[in-house]
Amino acid sequence: MVATVNDISLALKEQSLASNDIAQRIEQIARGAGDTAMAVQAAAQASSEMHAVAASLQTSHCRENSHIA
């Protein structure tokens, strides 16, 4: 009987360690997902700014070409 209780106790400790490990890994994944979301947002902002600059350059180029013609 004592051996069975010790086996159960050991199994519970192992499960607890495994659960804690899983929880830590999930936290790491969540942090990584948050970092990725921030990076995507920054990339979208940079893309939008580049689009605005390209449009401005195209407008300037069209104006210069219309004066030449």
Protein backbone atom coordinates (compact mmCIF):
# COMPACT_ATOMS: atom_id res chain seq x y z
CA MET A 1 0.00 0.00 0.00
CA VAL A 2 2.79 2.46 0.87
CA ALA A 3 4.49 1.69 -2.44
CA THR A 4 1.29 2.50 -4.33
CA VAL A 5 0.91 5.82 -2.51
CA ASN A 6 4.56 6.66 -3.27
CA ASP A 7 4.03 5.78 -6.94
CA ILE A 8 0.97 8.02 -7.11
CA SER A 9 2.84 10.82 -5.35
CA LEU A 10 5.74 10.53 -7.81
CA ALA A 11 3.35 10.50 -10.78
CA LEU A 12 1.63 13.63 -9.49
CA LYS A 13 4.96 15.42 -9.09
CA GLU A 14 5.94 14.47 -12.64
CA GLN A 15 2.60 15.69 -13.96
CA SER A 16 3.03 18.94 -12.08
CA LEU A 17 6.47 19.48 -13.59
CA ALA A 18 5.14 18.69 -17.05
CA SER A 19 2.21 21.08 -16.57
CA ASN A 20 4.55 23.87 -15.48
CA ASP A 21 6.77 23.24 -18.49
CA ILE A 22 3.77 23.38 -20.82
CA ALA A 23 2.59 26.62 -19.20
CA GLN A 24 6.01 28.22 -19.65
CA ARG A 25 6.13 27.19 -23.30
CA ILE A 26 2.67 28.58 -23.91
CA GLU A 27 3.78 31.89 -22.36
CA GLN A 28 6.81 31.92 -24.68
CA ILE A 29 4.57 31.30 -27.68
CA ALA A 30 2.22 34.07 -26.60
CA ARG A 31 5.12 36.51 -26.22
CA GLY A 32 6.43 35.48 -29.63
CA ALA A 33 2.99 35.99 -31.17
CA GLY A 34 2.80 39.45 -29.61
CA ASP A 35 6.24 40.33 -30.96
CA THR A 36 5.23 39.06 -34.40
CA ALA A 37 2.04 41.12 -34.36
CA MET A 38 4.02 44.26 -33.49
CA ALA A 39 6.51 43.54 -36.29
CA VAL A 40 3.69 43.03 -38.80
CA GLN A 41 2.11 46.30 -37.71
CA ALA A 42 5.43 48.13 -38.13
CA ALA A 43 5.92 46.57 -41.57
CA ALA A 44 2.41 47.63 -42.60
CA GLN A 45 3.12 51.18 -41.44
CA ALA A 46 6.42 51.27 -43.34
CA SER A 47 4.67 49.92 -46.44
CA SER A 48 2.01 52.61 -46.18
CA GLU A 49 4.65 55.31 -45.83
CA MET A 50 6.58 53.93 -48.81
CA HIS A 51 3.37 53.93 -50.85
CA ALA A 52 2.79 57.59 -49.98
CA VAL A 53 6.34 58.51 -50.95
CA ALA A 54 6.03 56.60 -54.23
CA ALA A 55 2.75 58.35 -55.03
CA SER A 56 4.34 61.72 -54.26
CA LEU A 57 7.30 60.94 -56.48
CA GLN A 58 5.02 59.81 -59.28
CA THR A 59 3.00 63.03 -59.01
CA SER A 60 6.20 65.10 -59.08
CA HIS A 61 7.48 63.15 -62.06
CA CYS A 62 4.21 63.63 -63.96
CA ARG A 63 4.27 67.37 -63.25
CA GLU A 64 7.85 67.66 -64.51
CA ASN A 65 7.06 65.70 -67.65
CA SER A 66 3.95 67.79 -68.35
CA HIS A 67 6.07 70.96 -68.26
CA ILE A 68 8.58 69.46 -70.70
CA ALA A 69 6.00 68.45 -73.28
